[in-house]
Amino acid sequence: MDDRGPSNGRTRRGSGRSGDRPRRGYAFPRAEHRHPVYGSQARRDSRQMPYIVGFVIVVLGLAGFLYVGLNWATGPGRAASIANPPTATPIAVVQPPPPAPSPTAAELTYIVKAGDNPASIAQQFKIKTEDLMAANSIDDPQKLQIGQTLKIPPSR
């Protein structure tokens, strides 16, 4: 402690006594504004901004690290490929269209394939659909069978 004695709250700087040197610090009595535990003046610490900025930077860094890590670990489609292993998919083999039958003096025939109908067959041989149906006694075009042999009438 100092040897000035207890403060009564009336001693102030420049008390009028000659020979006293001015006291440094506050002009208030010393004991009344001291912190009860730390012994210095009680005041709020206003230097919190660096701590807040540091905390925000650390949190953002952790969030970024977590984002990058999870994207690397799972990746787009990585989890789906682990859950569903690739399976072989059959590839459809498309056969080239059959060559147009060559006209001969003998009677022409045609074997019905999938997707054929009397109109498409007649167009292929450049004949009328009615002539094709009459030559083969077809009443209902829906009743054509795959593999059925049709007689092709001569074109006029």
N, C-alpha and C. Protein backbone atom coordinates (compact mmCIF):
# COMPACT_ATOMS: atom_id res chain seq x y z
N MET A 1 0.84 -1.18 0.00
CA MET A 1 0.00 0.00 0.00
C MET A 1 0.88 1.23 0.00
N ASP A 2 0.25 2.36 -0.10
CA ASP A 2 1.02 3.60 -0.04
C ASP A 2 0.86 4.24 1.33
N ASP A 3 1.71 5.19 1.63
CA ASP A 3 1.68 5.77 2.96
C ASP A 3 0.87 7.06 3.00
N ARG A 4 -0.11 7.17 2.17
CA ARG A 4 -0.95 8.35 2.19
C ARG A 4 -2.09 8.19 3.17
N GLY A 5 -2.37 6.99 3.58
CA GLY A 5 -3.43 6.79 4.55
C GLY A 5 -4.75 6.49 3.88
N PRO A 6 -5.75 6.23 4.68
CA PRO A 6 -7.05 5.91 4.10
C PRO A 6 -7.67 7.12 3.42
N SER A 7 -8.48 6.83 2.40
CA SER A 7 -9.12 7.92 1.66
C SER A 7 -10.50 8.18 2.25
N ASN A 8 -10.82 9.43 2.35
CA ASN A 8 -12.15 9.77 2.87
C ASN A 8 -13.04 10.33 1.75
N GLY A 9 -12.57 10.28 0.53
CA GLY A 9 -13.37 10.75 -0.59
C GLY A 9 -13.26 12.23 -0.83
N ARG A 10 -12.48 12.98 -0.03
CA ARG A 10 -12.39 14.42 -0.19
C ARG A 10 -11.04 14.85 -0.73
N THR A 11 -10.10 13.97 -0.68
CA THR A 11 -8.78 14.35 -1.16
C THR A 11 -8.79 14.32 -2.68
N ARG A 12 -8.41 15.41 -3.26
CA ARG A 12 -8.39 15.49 -4.71
C ARG A 12 -7.12 16.16 -5.16
N ARG A 13 -6.91 16.02 -6.42
CA ARG A 13 -5.71 16.62 -6.98
C ARG A 13 -5.78 18.13 -6.82
N GLY A 14 -4.68 18.67 -6.59
CA GLY A 14 -4.62 20.14 -6.41
C GLY A 14 -5.42 20.59 -5.22
N SER A 15 -5.19 19.98 -4.10
CA SER A 15 -5.96 20.31 -2.91
C SER A 15 -5.58 21.68 -2.35
N GLY A 16 -4.61 22.30 -2.94
CA GLY A 16 -4.25 23.63 -2.47
C GLY A 16 -3.03 23.62 -1.58
N ARG A 17 -2.59 22.45 -1.22
CA ARG A 17 -1.40 22.42 -0.38
C ARG A 17 -0.19 22.67 -1.25
N SER A 18 0.65 23.52 -0.78
CA SER A 18 1.86 23.77 -1.54
C SER A 18 2.86 22.69 -1.19
N GLY A 19 3.66 22.32 -2.13
CA GLY A 19 4.65 21.29 -1.90
C GLY A 19 4.16 19.90 -2.22
N ASP A 20 2.86 19.73 -2.33
CA ASP A 20 2.35 18.42 -2.76
C ASP A 20 2.56 18.30 -4.26
N ARG A 21 3.02 17.18 -4.63
CA ARG A 21 3.13 16.99 -6.08
C ARG A 21 1.80 16.42 -6.58
N PRO A 22 1.46 16.70 -7.82
CA PRO A 22 0.18 16.19 -8.34
C PRO A 22 0.21 14.67 -8.48
N ARG A 23 -0.88 14.06 -8.12
CA ARG A 23 -0.97 12.61 -8.20
C ARG A 23 -1.30 12.21 -9.63
N ARG A 24 -0.76 11.08 -10.01
CA ARG A 24 -1.06 10.56 -11.35
C ARG A 24 -2.33 9.74 -11.27
N GLY A 25 -3.04 9.61 -12.41
CA GLY A 25 -4.24 8.79 -12.44
C GLY A 25 -5.49 9.60 -12.29
N TYR A 26 -6.49 8.97 -11.71
CA TYR A 26 -7.78 9.59 -11.57
C TYR A 26 -7.81 10.56 -10.40
N ALA A 27 -8.71 11.53 -10.51
CA ALA A 27 -8.86 12.51 -9.44
C ALA A 27 -9.83 12.01 -8.39
N PHE A 28 -10.34 10.76 -8.55
CA PHE A 28 -11.27 10.20 -7.59
C PHE A 28 -10.50 9.47 -6.50
N PRO A 29 -11.13 9.26 -5.38
CA PRO A 29 -10.47 8.51 -4.31
C PRO A 29 -10.10 7.12 -4.81
N ARG A 30 -8.99 6.61 -4.41
CA ARG A 30 -8.44 5.37 -4.95
C ARG A 30 -9.23 4.14 -4.55
N ALA A 31 -9.59 4.01 -3.32
CA ALA A 31 -10.15 2.76 -2.84
C ALA A 31 -11.58 2.53 -3.33
N GLU A 32 -12.30 3.60 -3.63
CA GLU A 32 -13.71 3.43 -3.97
C GLU A 32 -13.92 2.86 -5.36
N HIS A 33 -12.96 3.01 -6.28
CA HIS A 33 -13.13 2.54 -7.65
C HIS A 33 -12.25 1.36 -7.99
N ARG A 34 -11.73 0.72 -7.01
CA ARG A 34 -10.88 -0.45 -7.27
C ARG A 34 -11.75 -1.70 -7.34
N HIS A 35 -11.30 -2.62 -8.18
CA HIS A 35 -11.98 -3.90 -8.30
C HIS A 35 -11.76 -4.68 -7.02
N PRO A 36 -12.78 -5.32 -6.48
CA PRO A 36 -12.62 -5.98 -5.18
C PRO A 36 -11.65 -7.15 -5.21
N VAL A 37 -11.48 -7.84 -6.34
CA VAL A 37 -10.60 -9.00 -6.39
C VAL A 37 -9.25 -8.64 -6.98
N TYR A 38 -9.26 -7.94 -8.11
CA TYR A 38 -8.00 -7.67 -8.82
C TYR A 38 -7.27 -6.45 -8.30
N GLY A 39 -7.93 -5.58 -7.63
CA GLY A 39 -7.27 -4.44 -7.03
C GLY A 39 -7.09 -3.26 -7.95
N SER A 40 -7.38 -3.41 -9.24
CA SER A 40 -7.27 -2.26 -10.14
C SER A 40 -8.66 -1.72 -10.41
N GLN A 41 -8.73 -0.68 -11.17
CA GLN A 41 -10.02 -0.07 -11.41
C GLN A 41 -10.88 -1.01 -12.25
N ALA A 42 -12.15 -1.14 -11.88
CA ALA A 42 -13.06 -2.00 -12.61
C ALA A 42 -13.49 -1.30 -13.89
N ARG A 43 -13.21 -1.92 -15.03
CA ARG A 43 -13.64 -1.36 -16.31
C ARG A 43 -13.89 -2.51 -17.27
N ARG A 44 -14.70 -2.24 -18.22
CA ARG A 44 -15.06 -3.27 -19.20
C ARG A 44 -13.94 -3.37 -20.23
N ASP A 45 -13.61 -4.61 -20.57
CA ASP A 45 -12.59 -4.84 -21.59
C ASP A 45 -13.27 -4.72 -22.95
N SER A 46 -12.89 -3.72 -23.71
CA SER A 46 -13.54 -3.46 -24.99
C SER A 46 -12.72 -4.00 -26.16
N ARG A 47 -11.74 -4.85 -25.90
CA ARG A 47 -10.90 -5.38 -26.98
C ARG A 47 -11.35 -6.79 -27.35
N GLN A 48 -12.62 -6.93 -27.67
CA GLN A 48 -13.16 -8.25 -27.98
C GLN A 48 -13.19 -8.53 -29.48
N MET A 49 -13.07 -7.52 -30.32
CA MET A 49 -13.20 -7.71 -31.76
C MET A 49 -12.18 -8.70 -32.32
N PRO A 50 -10.92 -8.68 -31.96
CA PRO A 50 -9.99 -9.69 -32.52
C PRO A 50 -10.39 -11.12 -32.17
N TYR A 51 -10.95 -11.32 -30.99
CA TYR A 51 -11.38 -12.66 -30.61
C TYR A 51 -12.58 -13.10 -31.45
N ILE A 52 -13.49 -12.19 -31.69
CA ILE A 52 -14.68 -12.51 -32.49
C ILE A 52 -14.27 -12.83 -33.92
N VAL A 53 -13.40 -12.00 -34.50
CA VAL A 53 -12.93 -12.23 -35.86
C VAL A 53 -12.19 -13.57 -35.95
N GLY A 54 -11.36 -13.86 -34.98
CA GLY A 54 -10.64 -15.13 -34.98
C GLY A 54 -11.59 -16.31 -34.88
N PHE A 55 -12.59 -16.22 -34.05
CA PHE A 55 -13.58 -17.29 -33.90
C PHE A 55 -14.32 -17.52 -35.21
N VAL A 56 -14.74 -16.44 -35.88
CA VAL A 56 -15.45 -16.56 -37.15
C VAL A 56 -14.55 -17.21 -38.20
N ILE A 57 -13.29 -16.83 -38.25
CA ILE A 57 -12.36 -17.42 -39.22
C ILE A 57 -12.18 -18.91 -38.97
N VAL A 58 -12.05 -19.31 -37.72
CA VAL A 58 -11.89 -20.73 -37.40
C VAL A 58 -13.15 -21.51 -37.77
N VAL A 59 -14.32 -20.96 -37.47
CA VAL A 59 -15.57 -21.66 -37.80
C VAL A 59 -15.72 -21.80 -39.30
N LEU A 60 -15.43 -20.73 -40.06
CA LEU A 60 -15.52 -20.81 -41.52
C LEU A 60 -14.51 -21.80 -42.09
N GLY A 61 -13.32 -21.83 -41.52
CA GLY A 61 -12.31 -22.79 -41.97
C GLY A 61 -12.76 -24.22 -41.73
N LEU A 62 -13.34 -24.49 -40.57
CA LEU A 62 -13.84 -25.84 -40.29
C LEU A 62 -15.00 -26.22 -41.21
N ALA A 63 -15.89 -25.27 -41.48
CA ALA A 63 -17.01 -25.55 -42.38
C ALA A 63 -16.50 -25.84 -43.79
N GLY A 64 -15.53 -25.08 -44.26
CA GLY A 64 -14.95 -25.33 -45.58
C GLY A 64 -14.26 -26.68 -45.65
N PHE A 65 -13.51 -27.02 -44.61
CA PHE A 65 -12.83 -28.31 -44.56
C PHE A 65 -13.84 -29.45 -44.57
N LEU A 66 -14.92 -29.31 -43.83
CA LEU A 66 -15.96 -30.33 -43.79
C LEU A 66 -16.63 -30.47 -45.16
N TYR A 67 -16.91 -29.35 -45.82
CA TYR A 67 -17.54 -29.37 -47.14
C TYR A 67 -16.64 -30.08 -48.15
N VAL A 68 -15.37 -29.71 -48.21
CA VAL A 68 -14.45 -30.33 -49.16
C VAL A 68 -14.27 -31.81 -48.84
N GLY A 69 -14.14 -32.14 -47.57
CA GLY A 69 -13.96 -33.53 -47.19
C GLY A 69 -15.15 -34.40 -47.55
N LEU A 70 -16.35 -33.90 -47.30
CA LEU A 70 -17.54 -34.68 -47.64
C LEU A 70 -17.72 -34.81 -49.15
N ASN A 71 -17.41 -33.76 -49.90
CA ASN A 71 -17.49 -33.88 -51.36
C ASN A 71 -16.48 -34.87 -51.88
N TRP A 72 -15.30 -34.90 -51.31
CA TRP A 72 -14.30 -35.86 -51.75
C TRP A 72 -14.72 -37.28 -51.39
N ALA A 73 -15.27 -37.44 -50.19
CA ALA A 73 -15.63 -38.78 -49.74
C ALA A 73 -16.83 -39.33 -50.49
N THR A 74 -17.82 -38.50 -50.72
CA THR A 74 -19.02 -39.00 -51.40
C THR A 74 -18.96 -38.69 -52.88
N GLY A 75 -18.65 -37.48 -53.24
CA GLY A 75 -18.56 -37.09 -54.63
C GLY A 75 -19.89 -37.25 -55.35
N PRO A 76 -20.01 -36.61 -56.51
CA PRO A 76 -21.25 -36.79 -57.26
C PRO A 76 -21.29 -38.19 -57.86
N GLY A 77 -22.23 -38.98 -57.43
CA GLY A 77 -22.38 -40.32 -57.95
C GLY A 77 -21.52 -41.37 -57.29
N ARG A 78 -20.64 -40.97 -56.38
CA ARG A 78 -19.75 -41.95 -55.75
C ARG A 78 -20.53 -42.88 -54.84
N ALA A 79 -21.43 -42.34 -54.06
CA ALA A 79 -22.24 -43.17 -53.17
C ALA A 79 -23.20 -44.02 -53.99
N ALA A 80 -23.72 -43.48 -55.07
CA ALA A 80 -24.63 -44.26 -55.91
C ALA A 80 -23.90 -45.41 -56.57
N SER A 81 -22.65 -45.22 -56.97
CA SER A 81 -21.92 -46.30 -57.62
C SER A 81 -21.56 -47.40 -56.62
N ILE A 82 -21.37 -47.04 -55.37
CA ILE A 82 -21.08 -48.05 -54.36
C ILE A 82 -22.35 -48.84 -54.06
N ALA A 83 -23.48 -48.15 -53.98
CA ALA A 83 -24.74 -48.81 -53.65
C ALA A 83 -25.24 -49.68 -54.80
N ASN A 84 -25.08 -49.21 -56.03
CA ASN A 84 -25.57 -49.94 -57.21
C ASN A 84 -24.39 -50.23 -58.14
N PRO A 85 -23.81 -51.40 -58.06
CA PRO A 85 -22.70 -51.69 -58.97
C PRO A 85 -23.21 -51.73 -60.41
N PRO A 86 -22.36 -51.39 -61.36
CA PRO A 86 -22.82 -51.34 -62.75
C PRO A 86 -23.21 -52.74 -63.25
N THR A 87 -24.24 -52.76 -64.05
CA THR A 87 -24.69 -54.02 -64.63
C THR A 87 -24.54 -53.94 -66.14
N ALA A 88 -24.34 -55.08 -66.74
CA ALA A 88 -24.20 -55.12 -68.19
C ALA A 88 -25.57 -54.88 -68.82
N THR A 89 -25.60 -53.98 -69.78
CA THR A 89 -26.85 -53.70 -70.47
C THR A 89 -26.75 -54.28 -71.87
N PRO A 90 -27.78 -54.98 -72.29
CA PRO A 90 -27.72 -55.56 -73.64
C PRO A 90 -27.82 -54.45 -74.69
N ILE A 91 -27.11 -54.64 -75.76
CA ILE A 91 -27.12 -53.67 -76.85
C ILE A 91 -27.96 -54.27 -77.98
N ALA A 92 -28.92 -53.52 -78.43
CA ALA A 92 -29.78 -53.98 -79.50
C ALA A 92 -29.00 -53.95 -80.81
N VAL A 93 -29.01 -55.09 -81.49
CA VAL A 93 -28.33 -55.18 -82.78
C VAL A 93 -29.37 -54.97 -83.86
N VAL A 94 -29.16 -53.94 -84.64
CA VAL A 94 -30.09 -53.63 -85.70
C VAL A 94 -29.58 -54.25 -86.99
N GLN A 95 -30.40 -55.11 -87.56
CA GLN A 95 -30.01 -55.74 -88.81
C GLN A 95 -30.35 -54.81 -89.95
N PRO A 96 -29.54 -54.84 -90.98
CA PRO A 96 -29.85 -53.98 -92.13
C PRO A 96 -31.15 -54.42 -92.78
N PRO A 97 -31.86 -53.48 -93.38
CA PRO A 97 -33.13 -53.84 -94.02
C PRO A 97 -32.88 -54.86 -95.13
N PRO A 98 -33.83 -55.75 -95.31
CA PRO A 98 -33.63 -56.77 -96.36
C PRO A 98 -33.62 -56.11 -97.73
N PRO A 99 -32.84 -56.65 -98.61
CA PRO A 99 -32.80 -56.06 -99.97
C PRO A 99 -34.16 -56.26 -100.65
N ALA A 100 -34.49 -55.32 -101.45
CA ALA A 100 -35.76 -55.41 -102.18
C ALA A 100 -35.70 -56.62 -103.12
N PRO A 101 -36.76 -57.39 -103.12
CA PRO A 101 -36.73 -58.57 -104.00
C PRO A 101 -36.64 -58.14 -105.47
N SER A 102 -35.83 -58.89 -106.19
CA SER A 102 -35.66 -58.56 -107.61
C SER A 102 -36.79 -59.20 -108.41
N PRO A 103 -37.37 -58.42 -109.29
CA PRO A 103 -38.48 -58.96 -110.07
C PRO A 103 -37.98 -60.01 -111.09
N THR A 104 -38.68 -61.08 -111.16
CA THR A 104 -38.37 -62.11 -112.14
C THR A 104 -39.64 -62.45 -112.89
N ALA A 105 -39.49 -63.25 -113.87
CA ALA A 105 -40.66 -63.65 -114.66
C ALA A 105 -41.54 -64.57 -113.83
N ALA A 106 -40.91 -65.25 -112.87
CA ALA A 106 -41.69 -66.14 -112.03
C ALA A 106 -42.48 -65.32 -111.02
N GLU A 107 -43.34 -65.97 -110.30
CA GLU A 107 -44.17 -65.29 -109.31
C GLU A 107 -43.31 -64.86 -108.13
N LEU A 108 -43.48 -63.59 -107.66
CA LEU A 108 -42.72 -63.06 -106.52
C LEU A 108 -43.42 -63.43 -105.22
N THR A 109 -42.59 -63.69 -104.15
CA THR A 109 -43.14 -63.95 -102.83
C THR A 109 -42.42 -63.04 -101.82
N TYR A 110 -43.08 -62.84 -100.70
CA TYR A 110 -42.50 -62.00 -99.63
C TYR A 110 -42.83 -62.65 -98.31
N ILE A 111 -41.82 -62.71 -97.41
CA ILE A 111 -42.02 -63.27 -96.07
C ILE A 111 -42.24 -62.11 -95.11
N VAL A 112 -43.33 -62.14 -94.38
CA VAL A 112 -43.73 -61.06 -93.46
C VAL A 112 -42.78 -61.02 -92.28
N LYS A 113 -42.33 -59.81 -91.96
CA LYS A 113 -41.43 -59.57 -90.82
C LYS A 113 -42.15 -58.73 -89.78
N ALA A 114 -41.55 -58.60 -88.62
CA ALA A 114 -42.16 -57.82 -87.54
C ALA A 114 -42.31 -56.37 -87.98
N GLY A 115 -43.47 -55.81 -87.76
CA GLY A 115 -43.74 -54.41 -88.08
C GLY A 115 -44.30 -54.22 -89.48
N ASP A 116 -44.40 -55.28 -90.27
CA ASP A 116 -44.95 -55.16 -91.62
C ASP A 116 -46.46 -55.05 -91.58
N ASN A 117 -47.00 -54.37 -92.56
CA ASN A 117 -48.44 -54.32 -92.77
C ASN A 117 -48.67 -54.30 -94.29
N PRO A 118 -49.87 -54.57 -94.74
CA PRO A 118 -50.09 -54.65 -96.19
C PRO A 118 -49.72 -53.36 -96.92
N ALA A 119 -49.94 -52.22 -96.30
CA ALA A 119 -49.63 -50.95 -96.98
C ALA A 119 -48.13 -50.80 -97.18
N SER A 120 -47.32 -51.14 -96.16
CA SER A 120 -45.87 -50.98 -96.31
C SER A 120 -45.31 -51.98 -97.31
N ILE A 121 -45.85 -53.20 -97.35
CA ILE A 121 -45.39 -54.20 -98.31
C ILE A 121 -45.76 -53.77 -99.73
N ALA A 122 -46.97 -53.27 -99.91
CA ALA A 122 -47.42 -52.81 -101.23
C ALA A 122 -46.57 -51.64 -101.71
N GLN A 123 -46.22 -50.75 -100.81
CA GLN A 123 -45.39 -49.59 -101.18
C GLN A 123 -44.00 -50.05 -101.58
N GLN A 124 -43.48 -51.06 -100.92
CA GLN A 124 -42.14 -51.57 -101.20
C GLN A 124 -42.07 -52.15 -102.63
N PHE A 125 -43.15 -52.77 -103.06
CA PHE A 125 -43.17 -53.37 -104.39
C PHE A 125 -43.87 -52.51 -105.43
N LYS A 126 -44.26 -51.32 -105.04
CA LYS A 126 -44.91 -50.34 -105.92
C LYS A 126 -46.18 -50.92 -106.56
N ILE A 127 -47.01 -51.48 -105.69
CA ILE A 127 -48.31 -51.99 -106.12
C ILE A 127 -49.38 -51.42 -105.21
N LYS A 128 -50.62 -51.63 -105.56
CA LYS A 128 -51.73 -51.15 -104.75
C LYS A 128 -51.96 -52.11 -103.59
N THR A 129 -52.36 -51.57 -102.46
CA THR A 129 -52.62 -52.38 -101.28
C THR A 129 -53.78 -53.34 -101.54
N GLU A 130 -54.81 -52.87 -102.25
CA GLU A 130 -55.97 -53.73 -102.54
C GLU A 130 -55.57 -54.94 -103.39
N ASP A 131 -54.64 -54.74 -104.35
CA ASP A 131 -54.18 -55.84 -105.20
C ASP A 131 -53.45 -56.88 -104.37
N LEU A 132 -52.59 -56.44 -103.43
CA LEU A 132 -51.85 -57.36 -102.56
C LEU A 132 -52.80 -58.17 -101.70
N MET A 133 -53.81 -57.50 -101.12
CA MET A 133 -54.76 -58.17 -100.24
C MET A 133 -55.64 -59.15 -101.04
N ALA A 134 -56.00 -58.78 -102.27
CA ALA A 134 -56.84 -59.67 -103.10
C ALA A 134 -56.04 -60.89 -103.55
N ALA A 135 -54.75 -60.73 -103.87
CA ALA A 135 -53.93 -61.86 -104.35
C ALA A 135 -53.69 -62.87 -103.24
N ASN A 136 -53.73 -62.43 -101.98
CA ASN A 136 -53.44 -63.32 -100.86
C ASN A 136 -54.68 -63.63 -100.02
N SER A 137 -55.83 -63.24 -100.46
CA SER A 137 -57.11 -63.48 -99.78
C SER A 137 -57.06 -62.98 -98.33
N ILE A 138 -56.60 -61.75 -98.14
CA ILE A 138 -56.50 -61.15 -96.80
C ILE A 138 -57.74 -60.29 -96.58
N ASP A 139 -58.54 -60.67 -95.58
CA ASP A 139 -59.73 -59.88 -95.24
C ASP A 139 -59.40 -58.83 -94.18
N ASP A 140 -58.59 -59.25 -93.18
CA ASP A 140 -58.25 -58.36 -92.06
C ASP A 140 -56.73 -58.18 -92.03
N PRO A 141 -56.24 -56.95 -92.28
CA PRO A 141 -54.79 -56.73 -92.28
C PRO A 141 -54.15 -56.97 -90.90
N GLN A 142 -54.95 -56.98 -89.84
CA GLN A 142 -54.43 -57.20 -88.49
C GLN A 142 -54.01 -58.67 -88.29
N LYS A 143 -54.46 -59.56 -89.17
CA LYS A 143 -54.20 -60.98 -88.99
C LYS A 143 -52.94 -61.47 -89.70
N LEU A 144 -52.10 -60.56 -90.17
CA LEU A 144 -50.83 -60.98 -90.77
C LEU A 144 -49.97 -61.63 -89.71
N GLN A 145 -49.27 -62.71 -90.06
CA GLN A 145 -48.41 -63.43 -89.13
C GLN A 145 -46.96 -63.25 -89.56
N ILE A 146 -46.05 -63.10 -88.56
CA ILE A 146 -44.62 -63.02 -88.86
C ILE A 146 -44.21 -64.37 -89.42
N GLY A 147 -43.50 -64.34 -90.56
CA GLY A 147 -43.06 -65.57 -91.22
C GLY A 147 -44.04 -66.05 -92.29
N GLN A 148 -45.20 -65.41 -92.41
CA GLN A 148 -46.20 -65.78 -93.43
C GLN A 148 -45.66 -65.40 -94.81
N THR A 149 -45.88 -66.24 -95.79
CA THR A 149 -45.42 -65.97 -97.15
C THR A 149 -46.57 -65.37 -97.95
N LEU A 150 -46.29 -64.23 -98.59
CA LEU A 150 -47.30 -63.55 -99.38
C LEU A 150 -46.90 -63.60 -100.86
N LYS A 151 -47.91 -63.74 -101.72
CA LYS A 151 -47.69 -63.67 -103.16
C LYS A 151 -47.75 -62.20 -103.56
N ILE A 152 -46.81 -61.77 -104.37
CA ILE A 152 -46.78 -60.38 -104.83
C ILE A 152 -47.29 -60.37 -106.26
N PRO A 153 -48.42 -59.69 -106.51
CA PRO A 153 -48.94 -59.62 -107.89
C PRO A 153 -48.07 -58.71 -108.75
N PRO A 154 -48.05 -58.94 -110.05
CA PRO A 154 -47.25 -58.07 -110.92
C PRO A 154 -47.82 -56.64 -110.93
N SER A 155 -46.93 -55.68 -111.03
CA SER A 155 -47.38 -54.28 -111.04
C SER A 155 -47.91 -53.95 -112.41
N ARG A 156 -48.85 -53.05 -112.50
CA ARG A 156 -49.49 -52.69 -113.77
C ARG A 156 -48.86 -51.49 -114.37
